[in-house]
């Protein structure tokens, strides 16, 4: 009987601990929220080329910083490249991918105050690797002030 009481008491204790940990985790997640998702149109990278997926945050953003996840997906929906950065107002970041294929990019923006969000825009350029004489070709832009996937 003592063993049954101990087992039930342990189970209740673990359940209570799980609920408290879950509530604490929800509070942390609640401070930084996904405020938007920006998706580019599809683009093609040929052999010997590199795609540069850029994201920029406007310099007049009302919040101090935003966490941004840049991801590239292939036609099967598999993530082929990803990078998480924290951008202050006016900063930008790039995710480079040098494998041939057809892709699209997604930018997830996480902010602590989504109601006071700044503007985030993205572009994709594709260029020849190690050839400074060839100008990269602009492929597409996506963001809040542009139609998604404009080419």
Protein backbone atom coordinates (compact mmCIF):
# COMPACT_ATOMS: atom_id res chain seq x y z
CA UNK A 1 0.00 0.00 0.00
CA UNK A 2 2.82 2.40 0.84
CA UNK A 3 4.34 1.69 -2.60
CA UNK A 4 1.01 2.57 -4.33
CA UNK A 5 0.77 5.87 -2.45
CA UNK A 6 4.37 6.76 -3.32
CA UNK A 7 3.83 5.86 -6.98
CA UNK A 8 0.62 7.92 -7.20
CA UNK A 9 2.26 10.79 -5.34
CA UNK A 10 5.23 10.72 -7.73
CA UNK A 11 2.91 10.71 -10.74
CA UNK A 12 0.96 13.69 -9.41
CA UNK A 13 4.22 15.50 -8.63
CA UNK A 14 5.57 14.91 -12.13
CA UNK A 15 2.28 16.03 -13.66
CA UNK A 16 2.30 19.22 -11.60
CA UNK A 17 5.96 19.88 -12.51
CA UNK A 18 5.12 19.40 -16.20
CA UNK A 19 2.24 21.85 -15.99
CA UNK A 20 4.42 24.46 -14.24
CA UNK A 21 7.26 24.02 -16.73
CA UNK A 22 4.79 24.27 -19.62
CA UNK A 23 3.30 27.46 -18.18
CA UNK A 24 6.75 28.97 -17.72
CA UNK A 25 7.66 28.03 -21.29
CA UNK A 26 4.45 29.59 -22.59
CA UNK A 27 5.36 32.85 -20.86
CA UNK A 28 8.79 32.91 -22.49
CA UNK A 29 7.33 32.12 -25.91
CA UNK A 30 4.66 34.77 -25.29
CA UNK A 31 7.34 37.48 -25.06
CA UNK A 32 8.64 36.79 -28.58
CA UNK A 33 5.98 35.98 -31.14
CA UNK A 34 5.93 35.16 -34.82
CA UNK A 35 4.65 38.43 -36.23
CA UNK A 36 4.74 37.55 -39.93
CA UNK A 37 5.90 35.21 -42.66
CA UNK A 38 7.32 36.48 -45.95
CA UNK A 39 7.56 34.05 -48.90
CA UNK A 40 9.46 34.57 -52.17
CA UNK A 41 8.43 33.19 -55.50
CA UNK A 42 10.23 30.13 -56.87
CA UNK A 43 13.65 30.62 -58.47
CA UNK A 44 16.20 28.41 -60.24
CA UNK A 45 19.90 28.00 -59.49
CA UNK A 46 22.02 26.43 -62.24
CA UNK A 47 25.30 24.51 -61.88
CA UNK A 48 28.11 26.86 -60.84
CA UNK A 49 25.73 29.49 -59.42
CA UNK A 50 24.93 30.59 -55.89
CA UNK A 51 21.64 31.98 -54.63
CA UNK A 52 21.96 34.80 -52.11
CA UNK A 53 18.79 35.19 -50.07
CA UNK A 54 18.91 38.62 -48.40
CA UNK A 55 16.68 40.08 -45.70
CA UNK A 56 16.74 43.66 -44.41
CA UNK A 57 14.98 45.50 -41.59
CA UNK A 58 14.09 49.15 -41.98
CA UNK A 59 16.14 51.69 -40.03
CA UNK A 60 13.05 53.30 -38.44
CA UNK A 61 11.73 50.16 -36.74
CA UNK A 62 10.07 51.02 -33.42
CA UNK A 63 11.42 47.87 -31.69
CA UNK A 64 15.05 47.42 -30.74
CA UNK A 65 15.56 44.11 -32.55
CA UNK A 66 13.80 41.22 -34.24
CA UNK A 67 14.80 37.58 -34.56
CA UNK A 68 14.59 36.44 -38.17
CA UNK A 69 14.79 32.91 -39.61
CA UNK A 70 15.74 32.68 -43.28
CA UNK A 71 14.94 29.29 -44.85
CA UNK A 72 15.31 27.91 -48.36
CA UNK A 73 13.05 25.05 -49.51
CA UNK A 74 13.36 22.75 -52.50
CA UNK A 75 10.40 21.68 -54.66
CA UNK A 76 9.65 18.79 -52.28
CA UNK A 77 9.25 21.20 -49.36
CA UNK A 78 12.46 20.09 -47.66
CA UNK A 79 14.59 22.72 -45.92
CA UNK A 80 17.90 22.93 -47.80
CA UNK A 81 19.33 25.89 -45.88
CA UNK A 82 18.41 27.88 -42.80
CA UNK A 83 19.87 30.65 -40.68
CA UNK A 84 18.62 32.48 -37.58
CA UNK A 85 19.81 36.04 -36.95
CA UNK A 86 18.88 38.96 -34.73
CA UNK A 87 18.51 42.19 -36.69
CA UNK A 88 18.61 45.64 -35.16
CA UNK A 89 16.95 48.47 -37.14
CA UNK A 90 18.80 49.01 -40.42
CA UNK A 91 20.66 45.70 -40.37
CA UNK A 92 20.55 42.94 -42.99
CA UNK A 93 21.65 39.32 -43.35
CA UNK A 94 22.24 36.84 -46.16
CA UNK A 95 21.81 33.09 -46.55
CA UNK A 96 23.89 31.69 -49.44
CA UNK A 97 23.09 28.41 -51.20
CA UNK A 98 25.29 27.01 -53.97
CA UNK A 99 23.46 23.87 -55.05
CA UNK A 100 21.62 23.67 -58.39
CA UNK A 101 17.85 23.27 -58.28
CA UNK A 102 14.53 25.07 -57.93
CA UNK A 103 13.82 26.77 -54.60
CA UNK A 104 11.74 29.33 -52.74
CA UNK A 105 12.62 31.32 -49.64
CA UNK A 106 10.72 32.06 -46.45
CA UNK A 107 11.45 34.66 -43.78
CA UNK A 108 9.89 34.21 -40.35
CA UNK A 109 10.01 37.38 -38.22
CA UNK A 110 9.74 37.09 -34.43
CA UNK A 111 9.29 40.27 -32.38
CA UNK A 112 8.58 41.01 -28.74
CA UNK A 113 6.00 43.66 -29.66
CA UNK A 114 4.33 42.51 -32.91
CA UNK A 115 1.89 45.44 -32.79
CA UNK A 116 4.82 47.84 -33.20
CA UNK A 117 6.67 45.96 -35.87
CA UNK A 118 9.17 47.32 -38.34
CA UNK A 119 9.26 46.64 -42.06
CA UNK A 120 11.17 43.60 -43.31
CA UNK A 121 11.91 43.03 -47.01
CA UNK A 122 13.77 40.23 -48.78
CA UNK A 123 15.41 39.69 -52.16
CA UNK A 124 17.04 36.80 -54.00
CA UNK A 125 20.01 37.24 -56.32
CA UNK A 126 21.65 34.41 -58.25
CA UNK A 127 25.19 34.71 -59.56
CA UNK A 128 28.16 32.74 -60.82
CA UNK A 129 30.50 31.53 -58.11
CA UNK A 130 33.96 33.18 -58.02
CA UNK A 131 33.33 35.32 -61.10
CA UNK A 132 33.52 38.98 -60.17
CA UNK A 133 33.02 40.04 -63.80
CA UNK A 134 29.49 38.63 -63.94
CA UNK A 135 26.80 40.67 -62.30
CA UNK A 136 24.34 38.66 -60.16
CA UNK A 137 20.85 38.54 -61.60
CA UNK A 138 18.03 39.84 -59.47
CA UNK A 139 15.42 37.10 -59.18
CA UNK A 140 12.64 38.26 -56.88
CA UNK A 141 11.61 40.42 -53.94
CA UNK A 142 9.09 39.77 -51.23
CA UNK A 143 7.94 41.77 -48.26
CA UNK A 144 5.28 43.93 -46.79
CA UNK A 145 5.56 46.71 -49.35
CA UNK A 146 6.00 44.47 -52.40
CA UNK A 147 3.84 41.79 -54.01
CA UNK A 148 5.18 38.39 -52.96
CA UNK A 149 7.39 36.75 -55.55
CA UNK A 150 7.58 39.71 -57.97
CA UNK A 151 10.04 38.86 -60.73
